[in-house]
Each structure stands twice: as structure tokens, then as C-alpha cells.
Amino acid sequence: MDAKITLSFDETVIKKAKSYAENNNISLSRLTEFLLRKVTSNSYQSLEDLPISDWVSIVAEGEVEYQTKTKKNKDLKAEYFKSKK
């Protein structure tokens, strides 16, 4: 059964990922699901242990930046509504 989630990415990354998915005849949702399935199917000690494929160079720009700060629900809600304006 599919479930919906909301994710936020840099606009440039989204555009490149959509283009990549389209060129490979897959939806962005299925591409994301595929990648998450790959990442979670093995036991990695940290983000740095994840294998990086060539496609990452295609859809990403610059240095990788892992943001691990957690935000409170009310901050996330305010950020979401601000982005919709």
C-alpha cells in the first residue's frame, strides 16, 4: 500500500531529479522510493558510509550538506505555509 509524504528539496535538485526520472521513464516518486529502499536495505553506520553512484553527480550540485537539525512541529508548519505564499 502506498502512503503519501511531503519532502522539501532545493529547487535546482528537484528540477534535475525530475529530468533524470523522466529520461529514465520513472516517476519521481518511484525514483525516490527506489533510492530509499536501497539506502535502507543495508546497514550503514553513518551517512558517509552510503555508496554514491554516478547519478548523484547528475542531480546534485556542489558539496553534499547533511542537515540533521530537528525543527519543532510549529516551526515546520510555519515554514510550510510561508513557502505556499
N, C-alpha and C. Protein backbone atom coordinates (compact mmCIF):
# COMPACT_ATOMS: atom_id res chain seq x y z
N MET A 1 0.83 -1.17 0.00
CA MET A 1 0.00 0.00 0.00
C MET A 1 0.88 1.24 0.00
N ASP A 2 0.57 2.18 -0.86
CA ASP A 2 1.33 3.42 -0.92
C ASP A 2 0.85 4.39 0.16
N ALA A 3 1.77 5.20 0.66
CA ALA A 3 1.46 6.26 1.61
C ALA A 3 2.11 7.53 1.10
N LYS A 4 1.47 8.66 1.36
CA LYS A 4 2.00 9.93 0.89
C LYS A 4 2.80 10.62 1.99
N ILE A 5 3.89 11.29 1.57
CA ILE A 5 4.68 12.10 2.48
C ILE A 5 5.02 13.41 1.76
N THR A 6 5.40 14.40 2.52
CA THR A 6 5.82 15.67 1.94
C THR A 6 7.30 15.86 2.25
N LEU A 7 8.08 16.14 1.22
CA LEU A 7 9.51 16.37 1.38
C LEU A 7 9.86 17.72 0.79
N SER A 8 10.90 18.34 1.30
CA SER A 8 11.37 19.62 0.76
C SER A 8 12.81 19.46 0.30
N PHE A 9 13.07 19.92 -0.94
CA PHE A 9 14.40 19.86 -1.51
C PHE A 9 14.73 21.20 -2.15
N ASP A 10 16.00 21.42 -2.40
CA ASP A 10 16.43 22.58 -3.15
C ASP A 10 15.78 22.53 -4.54
N GLU A 11 15.30 23.66 -5.02
CA GLU A 11 14.58 23.72 -6.30
C GLU A 11 15.41 23.18 -7.46
N THR A 12 16.69 23.48 -7.47
CA THR A 12 17.57 23.00 -8.54
C THR A 12 17.66 21.48 -8.53
N VAL A 13 17.76 20.91 -7.35
CA VAL A 13 17.84 19.45 -7.23
C VAL A 13 16.54 18.82 -7.73
N ILE A 14 15.42 19.42 -7.40
CA ILE A 14 14.13 18.89 -7.84
C ILE A 14 14.04 18.90 -9.36
N LYS A 15 14.43 20.00 -9.97
CA LYS A 15 14.37 20.09 -11.44
C LYS A 15 15.24 19.02 -12.09
N LYS A 16 16.45 18.86 -11.58
CA LYS A 16 17.36 17.87 -12.14
C LYS A 16 16.86 16.45 -11.89
N ALA A 17 16.32 16.21 -10.72
CA ALA A 17 15.81 14.88 -10.40
C ALA A 17 14.61 14.54 -11.28
N LYS A 18 13.72 15.51 -11.50
CA LYS A 18 12.57 15.29 -12.38
C LYS A 18 13.04 14.97 -13.80
N SER A 19 14.01 15.70 -14.27
CA SER A 19 14.55 15.46 -15.60
C SER A 19 15.18 14.07 -15.68
N TYR A 20 15.95 13.71 -14.67
CA TYR A 20 16.58 12.39 -14.62
C TYR A 20 15.52 11.30 -14.64
N ALA A 21 14.50 11.46 -13.80
CA ALA A 21 13.43 10.46 -13.72
C ALA A 21 12.72 10.34 -15.07
N GLU A 22 12.41 11.47 -15.68
CA GLU A 22 11.72 11.45 -16.97
C GLU A 22 12.57 10.75 -18.04
N ASN A 23 13.85 11.06 -18.07
CA ASN A 23 14.75 10.44 -19.05
C ASN A 23 14.88 8.93 -18.85
N ASN A 24 14.58 8.47 -17.64
CA ASN A 24 14.67 7.05 -17.33
C ASN A 24 13.30 6.39 -17.20
N ASN A 25 12.28 7.10 -17.68
CA ASN A 25 10.91 6.56 -17.70
C ASN A 25 10.43 6.04 -16.34
N ILE A 26 10.66 6.86 -15.31
CA ILE A 26 10.22 6.51 -13.97
C ILE A 26 9.68 7.79 -13.32
N SER A 27 8.71 7.65 -12.46
CA SER A 27 8.20 8.83 -11.76
C SER A 27 9.19 9.24 -10.68
N LEU A 28 9.12 10.50 -10.30
CA LEU A 28 10.00 10.99 -9.24
C LEU A 28 9.70 10.25 -7.93
N SER A 29 8.43 9.94 -7.71
CA SER A 29 8.06 9.19 -6.50
C SER A 29 8.72 7.82 -6.49
N ARG A 30 8.67 7.11 -7.61
CA ARG A 30 9.26 5.77 -7.67
C ARG A 30 10.78 5.82 -7.60
N LEU A 31 11.37 6.86 -8.19
CA LEU A 31 12.82 7.04 -8.09
C LEU A 31 13.22 7.23 -6.63
N THR A 32 12.50 8.09 -5.93
CA THR A 32 12.78 8.35 -4.52
C THR A 32 12.58 7.08 -3.70
N GLU A 33 11.50 6.36 -3.99
CA GLU A 33 11.24 5.10 -3.28
C GLU A 33 12.38 4.10 -3.53
N PHE A 34 12.82 3.99 -4.78
CA PHE A 34 13.91 3.10 -5.12
C PHE A 34 15.17 3.44 -4.33
N LEU A 35 15.51 4.73 -4.30
CA LEU A 35 16.72 5.16 -3.59
C LEU A 35 16.61 4.91 -2.09
N LEU A 36 15.45 5.22 -1.53
CA LEU A 36 15.27 4.98 -0.09
C LEU A 36 15.30 3.49 0.22
N ARG A 37 14.75 2.68 -0.66
CA ARG A 37 14.79 1.23 -0.46
C ARG A 37 16.24 0.73 -0.47
N LYS A 38 17.04 1.25 -1.41
CA LYS A 38 18.46 0.85 -1.48
C LYS A 38 19.21 1.26 -0.22
N VAL A 39 18.99 2.49 0.21
CA VAL A 39 19.69 3.02 1.39
C VAL A 39 19.33 2.23 2.63
N THR A 40 18.05 1.87 2.76
CA THR A 40 17.61 1.20 3.99
C THR A 40 17.74 -0.31 3.93
N SER A 41 18.14 -0.86 2.80
CA SER A 41 18.26 -2.31 2.69
C SER A 41 19.58 -2.84 3.26
N ASN A 42 20.53 -1.98 3.45
CA ASN A 42 21.82 -2.38 4.02
C ASN A 42 22.03 -1.67 5.34
N SER A 43 22.99 -2.15 6.09
CA SER A 43 23.25 -1.49 7.37
C SER A 43 24.46 -0.57 7.23
N TYR A 44 24.19 0.70 7.22
CA TYR A 44 25.23 1.71 7.12
C TYR A 44 25.39 2.37 8.49
N GLN A 45 26.64 2.56 8.89
CA GLN A 45 26.91 3.16 10.19
C GLN A 45 26.58 4.65 10.22
N SER A 46 26.79 5.33 9.08
CA SER A 46 26.54 6.77 9.02
C SER A 46 26.26 7.16 7.58
N LEU A 47 25.89 8.40 7.36
CA LEU A 47 25.61 8.89 6.01
C LEU A 47 26.84 8.81 5.12
N GLU A 48 28.01 8.98 5.72
CA GLU A 48 29.25 8.93 4.94
C GLU A 48 29.53 7.54 4.39
N ASP A 49 28.92 6.51 4.97
CA ASP A 49 29.13 5.14 4.51
C ASP A 49 28.29 4.79 3.28
N LEU A 50 27.32 5.61 2.96
CA LEU A 50 26.44 5.30 1.84
C LEU A 50 27.21 5.29 0.53
N PRO A 51 26.94 4.31 -0.33
CA PRO A 51 27.59 4.30 -1.64
C PRO A 51 27.02 5.41 -2.51
N ILE A 52 27.88 6.11 -3.20
CA ILE A 52 27.46 7.20 -4.07
C ILE A 52 27.62 6.77 -5.52
N SER A 53 26.56 6.84 -6.28
CA SER A 53 26.58 6.45 -7.69
C SER A 53 26.83 7.65 -8.58
N ASP A 54 27.07 7.38 -9.85
CA ASP A 54 27.30 8.45 -10.82
C ASP A 54 26.10 9.37 -10.95
N TRP A 55 24.89 8.84 -10.78
CA TRP A 55 23.71 9.68 -10.96
C TRP A 55 23.67 10.82 -9.95
N VAL A 56 24.33 10.66 -8.80
CA VAL A 56 24.34 11.73 -7.81
C VAL A 56 24.98 12.98 -8.41
N SER A 57 26.04 12.79 -9.19
CA SER A 57 26.70 13.93 -9.84
C SER A 57 25.77 14.63 -10.83
N ILE A 58 24.85 13.87 -11.39
CA ILE A 58 23.93 14.42 -12.37
C ILE A 58 22.87 15.29 -11.69
N VAL A 59 22.31 14.83 -10.58
CA VAL A 59 21.20 15.54 -9.96
C VAL A 59 21.61 16.49 -8.84
N ALA A 60 22.85 16.45 -8.40
CA ALA A 60 23.29 17.30 -7.30
C ALA A 60 24.30 18.34 -7.77
N GLU A 61 24.38 19.41 -7.03
CA GLU A 61 25.36 20.45 -7.32
C GLU A 61 26.17 20.73 -6.07
N GLY A 62 27.43 20.96 -6.21
CA GLY A 62 28.27 21.38 -5.10
C GLY A 62 28.51 20.29 -4.07
N GLU A 63 28.98 20.72 -2.93
CA GLU A 63 29.29 19.81 -1.84
C GLU A 63 28.01 19.26 -1.22
N VAL A 64 28.09 18.03 -0.74
CA VAL A 64 26.97 17.44 -0.03
C VAL A 64 26.87 18.08 1.33
N GLU A 65 25.66 18.43 1.71
CA GLU A 65 25.44 19.04 3.01
C GLU A 65 24.32 18.28 3.71
N TYR A 66 24.64 17.61 4.79
CA TYR A 66 23.65 16.87 5.54
C TYR A 66 23.11 17.77 6.64
N GLN A 67 21.81 17.98 6.61
CA GLN A 67 21.18 18.81 7.63
C GLN A 67 20.45 17.89 8.59
N THR A 68 20.95 17.83 9.80
CA THR A 68 20.38 16.91 10.77
C THR A 68 19.70 17.61 11.94
N LYS A 69 19.61 18.93 11.87
CA LYS A 69 18.92 19.66 12.93
C LYS A 69 17.43 19.35 12.85
N THR A 70 16.85 19.13 14.01
CA THR A 70 15.41 18.88 14.03
C THR A 70 14.68 20.18 14.32
N LYS A 71 13.54 20.33 13.71
CA LYS A 71 12.72 21.51 13.94
C LYS A 71 11.46 21.08 14.67
N LYS A 72 10.90 22.01 15.40
CA LYS A 72 9.65 21.73 16.09
C LYS A 72 8.51 21.76 15.10
N ASN A 73 7.44 21.04 15.42
CA ASN A 73 6.29 20.96 14.53
C ASN A 73 5.74 22.33 14.15
N LYS A 74 5.65 23.25 15.11
CA LYS A 74 5.09 24.57 14.80
C LYS A 74 6.02 25.33 13.85
N ASP A 75 7.34 25.14 13.96
CA ASP A 75 8.28 25.77 13.04
C ASP A 75 8.14 25.20 11.64
N LEU A 76 7.97 23.88 11.56
CA LEU A 76 7.77 23.24 10.26
C LEU A 76 6.48 23.70 9.61
N LYS A 77 5.44 23.82 10.41
CA LYS A 77 4.14 24.27 9.89
C LYS A 77 4.25 25.70 9.37
N ALA A 78 4.91 26.57 10.12
CA ALA A 78 5.08 27.96 9.69
C ALA A 78 5.92 28.04 8.42
N GLU A 79 6.97 27.23 8.33
CA GLU A 79 7.81 27.19 7.14
C GLU A 79 7.01 26.71 5.92
N TYR A 80 6.17 25.71 6.13
CA TYR A 80 5.35 25.18 5.04
C TYR A 80 4.40 26.25 4.51
N PHE A 81 3.66 26.91 5.40
CA PHE A 81 2.70 27.92 4.95
C PHE A 81 3.40 29.12 4.34
N LYS A 82 4.59 29.46 4.82
CA LYS A 82 5.35 30.56 4.24
C LYS A 82 5.74 30.22 2.81
N SER A 83 6.10 28.96 2.55
CA SER A 83 6.51 28.56 1.20
C SER A 83 5.34 28.55 0.22
N LYS A 84 4.11 28.49 0.72
CA LYS A 84 2.93 28.46 -0.14
C LYS A 84 2.47 29.85 -0.55
N LYS A 85 3.06 30.89 0.03
CA LYS A 85 2.64 32.27 -0.30
C LYS A 85 3.25 32.73 -1.59
